[in-house]
């Protein structure tokens, strides 16, 4: 890949669009395409047509299907990053305020892009400490940092991350489905470039993510069975209380 200008696309009127191609433009156009037509309709050829270029032109900026899908996920999940933005929580705000902000942020993303959210929710994570839909190193580090700064122990912060991500995944994947999203895999193969899967988060330098680096063994543990049982018990208890009211 390189940064050289590419051939122009086309506007709605069919005239040349003088904006050059870029990775950012390709990914945002792909998101718009999936929003309108669904994930199954997305191919490099159709995306190239949408941009007014040949499909091969796209490979200068994205390494085929897997890289494009990862780019879509990264672009949307990055919107959940709090600390680098202007809407920061103050020291007096408790962990509940942070989790409420984050939960509503993920829900807003799911409702704005219901056709894309199943991709965020079901993409195989590159590392065991990235649980969908919070599958960004920055977001996970921020989650752990925020809770630990507010009195959580390491173990309880990891437990909260597991429970919170499971809660979001269950509710919002169902909500996206009710909004018409297809939650199954795309029927049409998308990898027209036969590219390698670029999921290499497990090989990244984690120096910038000290909590993830320290807690990686705990984050990587499989607690699916006990988590399911606890969630089921909580549900039964809640229903029992409602019946008793």
C-alpha atoms as a PDB file:
ATOM      1  CA  UNK A   1       0.000   0.000   0.000  1.00  0.00           C
ATOM      2  CA  UNK A   2       1.058   3.577  -0.508  1.00  0.00           C
ATOM      3  CA  UNK A   3      -0.374   7.042  -0.213  1.00  0.00           C
ATOM      4  CA  UNK A   4      -0.321   7.943  -3.876  1.00  0.00           C
ATOM      5  CA  UNK A   5      -3.497   9.514  -5.277  1.00  0.00           C
ATOM      6  CA  UNK A   6      -5.847   7.098  -6.991  1.00  0.00           C
ATOM      7  CA  UNK A   7      -8.326   7.539  -9.760  1.00  0.00           C
ATOM      8  CA  UNK A   8     -11.381   9.619  -8.823  1.00  0.00           C
ATOM      9  CA  UNK A   9     -14.732   8.154  -7.920  1.00  0.00           C
ATOM     10  CA  UNK A  10     -18.092   9.336  -9.162  1.00  0.00           C
ATOM     11  CA  UNK A  11     -20.708  11.612  -7.657  1.00  0.00           C
ATOM     12  CA  UNK A  12     -24.426  10.813  -7.658  1.00  0.00           C
ATOM     13  CA  UNK A  13     -24.744  12.677 -10.947  1.00  0.00           C
ATOM     14  CA  UNK A  14     -22.076  10.498 -12.552  1.00  0.00           C
ATOM     15  CA  UNK A  15     -19.438  13.237 -12.741  1.00  0.00           C
ATOM     16  CA  UNK A  16     -15.921  12.526 -11.478  1.00  0.00           C
ATOM     17  CA  UNK A  17     -15.426  12.856  -7.744  1.00  0.00           C
ATOM     18  CA  UNK A  18     -12.031  14.503  -7.354  1.00  0.00           C
ATOM     19  CA  UNK A  19     -11.491  13.259  -3.832  1.00  0.00           C
ATOM     20  CA  UNK A  20      -8.749  10.652  -3.789  1.00  0.00           C
ATOM     21  CA  UNK A  21      -9.167   7.262  -2.257  1.00  0.00           C
ATOM     22  CA  UNK A  22      -7.951   6.659   1.272  1.00  0.00           C
ATOM     23  CA  UNK A  23      -8.365   3.916   3.831  1.00  0.00           C
ATOM     24  CA  UNK A  24     -10.652   6.146   5.881  1.00  0.00           C
ATOM     25  CA  UNK A  25     -12.905   6.913   2.935  1.00  0.00           C
ATOM     26  CA  UNK A  26     -13.099   3.260   1.899  1.00  0.00           C
ATOM     27  CA  UNK A  27     -14.068   2.149   5.402  1.00  0.00           C
ATOM     28  CA  UNK A  28     -16.677   4.859   5.945  1.00  0.00           C
ATOM     29  CA  UNK A  29     -18.190   4.114   2.528  1.00  0.00           C
ATOM     30  CA  UNK A  30     -18.268   0.410   3.411  1.00  0.00           C
ATOM     31  CA  UNK A  31     -20.141   1.227   6.628  1.00  0.00           C
ATOM     32  CA  UNK A  32     -22.681   3.287   4.708  1.00  0.00           C
ATOM     33  CA  UNK A  33     -23.053   0.474   2.184  1.00  0.00           C
ATOM     34  CA  UNK A  34     -23.693  -2.137   4.906  1.00  0.00           C
ATOM     35  CA  UNK A  35     -26.119   0.213   6.666  1.00  0.00           C
ATOM     36  CA  UNK A  36     -28.177   0.416   3.478  1.00  0.00           C
ATOM     37  CA  UNK A  37     -27.787  -3.021   1.921  1.00  0.00           C
ATOM     38  CA  UNK A  38     -26.571  -5.379   4.621  1.00  0.00           C
ATOM     39  CA  UNK A  39     -23.311  -7.192   5.212  1.00  0.00           C
ATOM     40  CA  UNK A  40     -24.088 -10.042   2.807  1.00  0.00           C
ATOM     41  CA  UNK A  41     -24.198  -7.582  -0.109  1.00  0.00           C
ATOM     42  CA  UNK A  42     -20.729  -6.175   0.574  1.00  0.00           C
ATOM     43  CA  UNK A  43     -17.969  -7.278  -1.809  1.00  0.00           C
ATOM     44  CA  UNK A  44     -14.845  -5.504  -2.925  1.00  0.00           C
ATOM     45  CA  UNK A  45     -16.294  -5.257  -6.412  1.00  0.00           C
ATOM     46  CA  UNK A  46     -19.521  -3.648  -5.210  1.00  0.00           C
ATOM     47  CA  UNK A  47     -17.650  -1.357  -2.858  1.00  0.00           C
ATOM     48  CA  UNK A  48     -15.379  -0.289  -5.717  1.00  0.00           C
ATOM     49  CA  UNK A  49     -18.443   0.463  -7.835  1.00  0.00           C
ATOM     50  CA  UNK A  50     -19.867   2.529  -4.996  1.00  0.00           C
ATOM     51  CA  UNK A  51     -16.651   4.555  -4.956  1.00  0.00           C
ATOM     52  CA  UNK A  52     -16.472   4.741  -8.754  1.00  0.00           C
ATOM     53  CA  UNK A  53     -13.234   2.744  -9.053  1.00  0.00           C
ATOM     54  CA  UNK A  54     -12.141  -0.757  -9.962  1.00  0.00           C
ATOM     55  CA  UNK A  55     -12.047  -3.217  -7.065  1.00  0.00           C
ATOM     56  CA  UNK A  56      -8.296  -3.696  -7.477  1.00  0.00           C
ATOM     57  CA  UNK A  57      -7.765  -0.042  -6.603  1.00  0.00           C
ATOM     58  CA  UNK A  58      -9.051  -0.735  -3.098  1.00  0.00           C
ATOM     59  CA  UNK A  59      -6.265  -3.203  -2.352  1.00  0.00           C
ATOM     60  CA  UNK A  60      -3.773  -0.359  -2.203  1.00  0.00           C
ATOM     61  CA  UNK A  61      -5.489   0.735   1.026  1.00  0.00           C
ATOM     62  CA  UNK A  62      -7.116  -2.404   2.489  1.00  0.00           C
ATOM     63  CA  UNK A  63      -5.678  -5.913   2.380  1.00  0.00           C
ATOM     64  CA  UNK A  64      -8.863  -7.633   1.267  1.00  0.00           C
ATOM     65  CA  UNK A  65     -11.902  -8.831   3.150  1.00  0.00           C
ATOM     66  CA  UNK A  66     -10.465  -9.408   6.618  1.00  0.00           C
ATOM     67  CA  UNK A  67      -8.673  -6.100   6.750  1.00  0.00           C
ATOM     68  CA  UNK A  68     -11.788  -4.261   5.544  1.00  0.00           C
ATOM     69  CA  UNK A  69     -14.006  -5.917   8.161  1.00  0.00           C
ATOM     70  CA  UNK A  70     -11.482  -5.229  10.908  1.00  0.00           C
ATOM     71  CA  UNK A  71     -11.311  -1.620   9.756  1.00  0.00           C
ATOM     72  CA  UNK A  72     -15.090  -1.299   9.991  1.00  0.00           C
ATOM     73  CA  UNK A  73     -15.112  -2.709  13.521  1.00  0.00           C
ATOM     74  CA  UNK A  74     -12.182  -0.567  14.675  1.00  0.00           C
ATOM     75  CA  UNK A  75     -13.696   2.597  13.192  1.00  0.00           C
ATOM     76  CA  UNK A  76     -16.972   2.164  15.060  1.00  0.00           C
ATOM     77  CA  UNK A  77     -15.644   0.835  18.363  1.00  0.00           C
ATOM     78  CA  UNK A  78     -13.175   3.732  18.505  1.00  0.00           C
ATOM     79  CA  UNK A  79     -16.177   6.006  19.064  1.00  0.00           C
ATOM     80  CA  UNK A  80     -16.471   4.521  22.563  1.00  0.00           C
ATOM     81  CA  UNK A  81     -13.114   5.933  23.658  1.00  0.00           C
ATOM     82  CA  UNK A  82     -13.707   8.415  26.469  1.00  0.00           C
ATOM     83  CA  UNK A  83     -10.443   9.700  27.886  1.00  0.00           C
ATOM     84  CA  UNK A  84      -9.131  11.358  24.750  1.00  0.00           C
ATOM     85  CA  UNK A  85     -12.417  13.179  24.125  1.00  0.00           C
ATOM     86  CA  UNK A  86     -13.935  16.266  25.645  1.00  0.00           C
ATOM     87  CA  UNK A  87     -16.786  14.464  27.421  1.00  0.00           C
ATOM     88  CA  UNK A  88     -14.744  13.125  30.308  1.00  0.00           C
ATOM     89  CA  UNK A  89     -16.087  11.917  33.608  1.00  0.00           C
ATOM     90  CA  UNK A  90     -14.927  13.867  36.623  1.00  0.00           C
ATOM     91  CA  UNK A  91     -13.331  12.425  39.781  1.00  0.00           C
ATOM     92  CA  UNK A  92     -16.664  12.663  41.595  1.00  0.00           C
ATOM     93  CA  UNK A  93     -18.431  10.483  39.048  1.00  0.00           C
ATOM     94  CA  UNK A  94     -18.752   6.910  40.252  1.00  0.00           C
ATOM     95  CA  UNK A  95     -18.197   3.704  38.343  1.00  0.00           C
ATOM     96  CA  UNK A  96     -21.949   3.467  37.781  1.00  0.00           C
ATOM     97  CA  UNK A  97     -21.859   6.700  35.764  1.00  0.00           C
ATOM     98  CA  UNK A  98     -19.072   5.328  33.582  1.00  0.00           C
ATOM     99  CA  UNK A  99     -20.828   2.027  32.924  1.00  0.00           C
ATOM    100  CA  UNK A 100     -24.063   3.853  32.121  1.00  0.00           C
ATOM    101  CA  UNK A 101     -22.223   6.110  29.678  1.00  0.00           C
ATOM    102  CA  UNK A 102     -20.499   3.167  28.045  1.00  0.00           C
ATOM    103  CA  UNK A 103     -23.633   0.997  27.858  1.00  0.00           C
ATOM    104  CA  UNK A 104     -25.668   3.770  26.246  1.00  0.00           C
ATOM    105  CA  UNK A 105     -22.790   4.493  23.879  1.00  0.00           C
ATOM    106  CA  UNK A 106     -22.672   0.892  22.670  1.00  0.00           C
ATOM    107  CA  UNK A 107     -26.464   0.802  22.381  1.00  0.00           C
ATOM    108  CA  UNK A 108     -26.460   4.005  20.332  1.00  0.00           C
ATOM    109  CA  UNK A 109     -23.863   2.451  18.040  1.00  0.00           C
ATOM    110  CA  UNK A 110     -25.955  -0.717  17.662  1.00  0.00           C
ATOM    111  CA  UNK A 111     -29.101   1.239  16.846  1.00  0.00           C
ATOM    112  CA  UNK A 112     -27.340   3.574  14.428  1.00  0.00           C
ATOM    113  CA  UNK A 113     -25.712   0.651  12.593  1.00  0.00           C
ATOM    114  CA  UNK A 114     -27.873  -2.446  13.199  1.00  0.00           C
ATOM    115  CA  UNK A 115     -26.565  -4.163  10.069  1.00  0.00           C
ATOM    116  CA  UNK A 116     -22.975  -3.638  11.194  1.00  0.00           C
ATOM    117  CA  UNK A 117     -23.378  -4.453  14.891  1.00  0.00           C
ATOM    118  CA  UNK A 118     -23.551  -8.248  14.404  1.00  0.00           C
ATOM    119  CA  UNK A 119     -20.125  -7.958  12.796  1.00  0.00           C
ATOM    120  CA  UNK A 120     -18.807  -6.197  15.904  1.00  0.00           C
ATOM    121  CA  UNK A 121     -20.515  -8.763  18.117  1.00  0.00           C
ATOM    122  CA  UNK A 122     -19.487 -11.944  16.324  1.00  0.00           C
ATOM    123  CA  UNK A 123     -16.041 -11.304  14.826  1.00  0.00           C
ATOM    124  CA  UNK A 124     -13.568 -13.752  16.317  1.00  0.00           C
ATOM    125  CA  UNK A 125     -11.373 -11.764  18.722  1.00  0.00           C
ATOM    126  CA  UNK A 126      -7.688 -11.660  17.960  1.00  0.00           C
ATOM    127  CA  UNK A 127      -6.830 -12.164  21.627  1.00  0.00           C
ATOM    128  CA  UNK A 128      -8.726 -13.749  24.540  1.00  0.00           C
ATOM    129  CA  UNK A 129      -8.847 -10.501  26.463  1.00  0.00           C
ATOM    130  CA  UNK A 130     -10.855  -8.781  23.727  1.00  0.00           C
ATOM    131  CA  UNK A 131     -14.485  -9.734  24.255  1.00  0.00           C
ATOM    132  CA  UNK A 132     -17.070  -8.383  21.832  1.00  0.00           C
ATOM    133  CA  UNK A 133     -18.562  -5.865  21.646  1.00  0.00           C
ATOM    134  CA  UNK A 134     -15.797  -4.102  23.656  1.00  0.00           C
ATOM    135  CA  UNK A 135     -13.069  -5.446  21.356  1.00  0.00           C
ATOM    136  CA  UNK A 136     -10.651  -2.529  21.363  1.00  0.00           C
ATOM    137  CA  UNK A 137      -7.419  -2.442  23.343  1.00  0.00           C
ATOM    138  CA  UNK A 138      -7.983   1.211  24.192  1.00  0.00           C
ATOM    139  CA  UNK A 139     -11.566   0.603  25.340  1.00  0.00           C
ATOM    140  CA  UNK A 140     -10.620  -2.412  27.474  1.00  0.00           C
ATOM    141  CA  UNK A 141      -7.698  -0.549  29.041  1.00  0.00           C
ATOM    142  CA  UNK A 142      -9.961   2.404  29.725  1.00  0.00           C
ATOM    143  CA  UNK A 143     -12.612   0.149  31.263  1.00  0.00           C
ATOM    144  CA  UNK A 144     -10.118  -1.475  33.645  1.00  0.00           C
ATOM    145  CA  UNK A 145      -8.456   1.829  34.504  1.00  0.00           C
ATOM    146  CA  UNK A 146     -11.757   3.568  35.271  1.00  0.00           C
ATOM    147  CA  UNK A 147     -12.991   0.811  37.567  1.00  0.00           C
ATOM    148  CA  UNK A 148      -9.667   0.303  39.360  1.00  0.00           C
ATOM    149  CA  UNK A 149      -9.371   4.059  39.930  1.00  0.00           C
ATOM    150  CA  UNK A 150     -12.810   3.885  41.552  1.00  0.00           C
ATOM    151  CA  UNK A 151     -11.956   1.182  44.065  1.00  0.00           C
ATOM    152  CA  UNK A 152     -12.283  -2.104  42.176  1.00  0.00           C
ATOM    153  CA  UNK A 153      -9.666  -4.761  42.806  1.00  0.00           C
ATOM    154  CA  UNK A 154      -7.988  -6.310  39.780  1.00  0.00           C
ATOM    155  CA  UNK A 155     -10.105  -9.450  40.078  1.00  0.00           C
ATOM    156  CA  UNK A 156     -13.369  -7.548  40.457  1.00  0.00           C
ATOM    157  CA  UNK A 157     -12.537  -5.272  37.524  1.00  0.00           C
ATOM    158  CA  UNK A 158     -11.972  -8.318  35.306  1.00  0.00           C
ATOM    159  CA  UNK A 159     -15.204  -9.910  36.559  1.00  0.00           C
ATOM    160  CA  UNK A 160     -17.070  -6.680  35.835  1.00  0.00           C
ATOM    161  CA  UNK A 161     -15.636  -6.557  32.316  1.00  0.00           C
ATOM    162  CA  UNK A 162     -16.790 -10.100  31.625  1.00  0.00           C
ATOM    163  CA  UNK A 163     -20.280  -9.559  33.014  1.00  0.00           C
ATOM    164  CA  UNK A 164     -20.729  -6.166  31.376  1.00  0.00           C
ATOM    165  CA  UNK A 165     -19.638  -7.317  27.922  1.00  0.00           C
ATOM    166  CA  UNK A 166     -21.927 -10.364  28.147  1.00  0.00           C
ATOM    167  CA  UNK A 167     -24.844  -8.147  29.145  1.00  0.00           C
ATOM    168  CA  UNK A 168     -24.263  -5.807  26.219  1.00  0.00           C
ATOM    169  CA  UNK A 169     -23.800  -8.623  23.745  1.00  0.00           C
ATOM    170  CA  UNK A 170     -27.000 -10.430  24.675  1.00  0.00           C
ATOM    171  CA  UNK A 171     -29.272  -7.403  24.763  1.00  0.00           C
ATOM    172  CA  UNK A 172     -27.907  -5.491  21.801  1.00  0.00           C
ATOM    173  CA  UNK A 173     -27.471  -8.395  19.405  1.00  0.00           C
ATOM    174  CA  UNK A 174     -31.150  -9.177  19.979  1.00  0.00           C
ATOM    175  CA  UNK A 175     -32.067  -5.512  19.548  1.00  0.00           C
ATOM    176  CA  UNK A 176     -30.118  -5.308  16.276  1.00  0.00           C
ATOM    177  CA  UNK A 177     -31.936  -8.422  15.089  1.00  0.00           C
ATOM    178  CA  UNK A 178     -35.288  -6.844  15.903  1.00  0.00           C
ATOM    179  CA  UNK A 179     -34.228  -3.851  13.806  1.00  0.00           C
ATOM    180  CA  UNK A 180     -33.813  -6.170  10.823  1.00  0.00           C
ATOM    181  CA  UNK A 181     -30.131  -7.112  10.995  1.00  0.00           C
ATOM    182  CA  UNK A 182     -29.028 -10.514   9.768  1.00  0.00           C
ATOM    183  CA  UNK A 183     -27.131 -12.112  12.629  1.00  0.00           C
ATOM    184  CA  UNK A 184     -25.896 -15.112  10.645  1.00  0.00           C
ATOM    185  CA  UNK A 185     -22.713 -15.192   8.554  1.00  0.00           C
ATOM    186  CA  UNK A 186     -22.638 -13.570   5.125  1.00  0.00           C
ATOM    187  CA  UNK A 187     -23.742 -16.028   2.441  1.00  0.00           C
ATOM    188  CA  UNK A 188     -21.456 -14.604  -0.242  1.00  0.00           C
ATOM    189  CA  UNK A 189     -17.682 -14.916   0.195  1.00  0.00           C
ATOM    190  CA  UNK A 190     -16.120 -11.516   0.757  1.00  0.00           C
ATOM    191  CA  UNK A 191     -12.427 -12.311   0.478  1.00  0.00           C
ATOM    192  CA  UNK A 192     -11.802 -11.545  -3.169  1.00  0.00           C
ATOM    193  CA  UNK A 193      -8.124 -10.836  -2.534  1.00  0.00           C
ATOM    194  CA  UNK A 194      -7.277 -14.068  -0.699  1.00  0.00           C
ATOM    195  CA  UNK A 195      -5.575 -11.943   1.928  1.00  0.00           C
ATOM    196  CA  UNK A 196      -4.133 -13.122   5.201  1.00  0.00           C
ATOM    197  CA  UNK A 197      -6.125 -12.511   8.353  1.00  0.00           C
ATOM    198  CA  UNK A 198      -4.456  -9.444   9.901  1.00  0.00           C
ATOM    199  CA  UNK A 199      -5.661 -10.173  13.440  1.00  0.00           C
ATOM    200  CA  UNK A 200      -2.399  -9.712  15.283  1.00  0.00           C
ATOM    201  CA  UNK A 201      -3.464  -8.049  18.520  1.00  0.00           C
ATOM    202  CA  UNK A 202      -1.787 -10.869  20.452  1.00  0.00           C
ATOM    203  CA  UNK A 203       1.506  -9.723  18.933  1.00  0.00           C
ATOM    204  CA  UNK A 204       1.113  -6.044  19.749  1.00  0.00           C
ATOM    205  CA  UNK A 205       3.356  -4.233  22.171  1.00  0.00           C
ATOM    206  CA  UNK A 206       1.189  -3.799  25.259  1.00  0.00           C
ATOM    207  CA  UNK A 207       3.406  -1.203  26.958  1.00  0.00           C
ATOM    208  CA  UNK A 208       0.718   1.431  26.389  1.00  0.00           C
ATOM    209  CA  UNK A 209      -1.889  -0.795  28.070  1.00  0.00           C
ATOM    210  CA  UNK A 210      -0.478  -1.567  31.537  1.00  0.00           C
ATOM    211  CA  UNK A 211      -3.697  -2.960  33.029  1.00  0.00           C
ATOM    212  CA  UNK A 212      -4.231  -5.351  30.124  1.00  0.00           C
ATOM    213  CA  UNK A 213      -0.585  -6.454  30.275  1.00  0.00           C
ATOM    214  CA  UNK A 214      -0.786  -7.104  34.027  1.00  0.00           C
ATOM    215  CA  UNK A 215      -4.196  -8.773  33.957  1.00  0.00           C
ATOM    216  CA  UNK A 216      -3.794 -10.752  30.723  1.00  0.00           C
ATOM    217  CA  UNK A 217      -3.803 -14.155  32.522  1.00  0.00           C
ATOM    218  CA  UNK A 218      -7.089 -13.370  34.296  1.00  0.00           C
ATOM    219  CA  UNK A 219      -8.650 -11.832  31.203  1.00  0.00           C
ATOM    220  CA  UNK A 220      -7.759 -14.956  29.216  1.00  0.00           C
ATOM    221  CA  UNK A 221      -9.458 -17.417  31.573  1.00  0.00           C
ATOM    222  CA  UNK A 222     -12.612 -19.188  30.422  1.00  0.00           C
ATOM    223  CA  UNK A 223     -15.475 -18.615  32.883  1.00  0.00           C
ATOM    224  CA  UNK A 224     -18.325 -19.110  30.429  1.00  0.00           C
ATOM    225  CA  UNK A 225     -20.116 -21.858  32.374  1.00  0.00           C
ATOM    226  CA  UNK A 226     -20.204 -20.177  35.819  1.00  0.00           C
ATOM    227  CA  UNK A 227     -21.032 -16.815  34.241  1.00  0.00           C
ATOM    228  CA  UNK A 228     -24.011 -18.392  32.470  1.00  0.00           C
ATOM    229  CA  UNK A 229     -25.223 -19.982  35.705  1.00  0.00           C
ATOM    230  CA  UNK A 230     -24.919 -16.730  37.663  1.00  0.00           C
ATOM    231  CA  UNK A 231     -26.761 -14.784  34.961  1.00  0.00           C
ATOM    232  CA  UNK A 232     -29.510 -17.407  34.898  1.00  0.00           C
ATOM    233  CA  UNK A 233     -29.834 -17.333  38.689  1.00  0.00           C
ATOM    234  CA  UNK A 234     -30.001 -13.531  38.659  1.00  0.00           C
ATOM    235  CA  UNK A 235     -32.760 -13.688  36.056  1.00  0.00           C
ATOM    236  CA  UNK A 236     -34.752 -16.249  38.061  1.00  0.00           C
ATOM    237  CA  UNK A 237     -34.339 -14.200  41.242  1.00  0.00           C
ATOM    238  CA  UNK A 238     -35.524 -11.046  39.475  1.00  0.00           C
ATOM    239  CA  UNK A 239     -38.555 -12.822  38.039  1.00  0.00           C
ATOM    240  CA  UNK A 240     -39.344 -14.299  41.467  1.00  0.00           C
ATOM    241  CA  UNK A 241     -39.269 -10.828  43.039  1.00  0.00           C
ATOM    242  CA  UNK A 242     -41.541  -9.453  40.317  1.00  0.00           C
ATOM    243  CA  UNK A 243     -44.054 -12.240  40.855  1.00  0.00           C
ATOM    244  CA  UNK A 244     -44.031 -11.600  44.588  1.00  0.00           C
ATOM    245  CA  UNK A 245     -44.788  -7.890  44.205  1.00  0.00           C
END
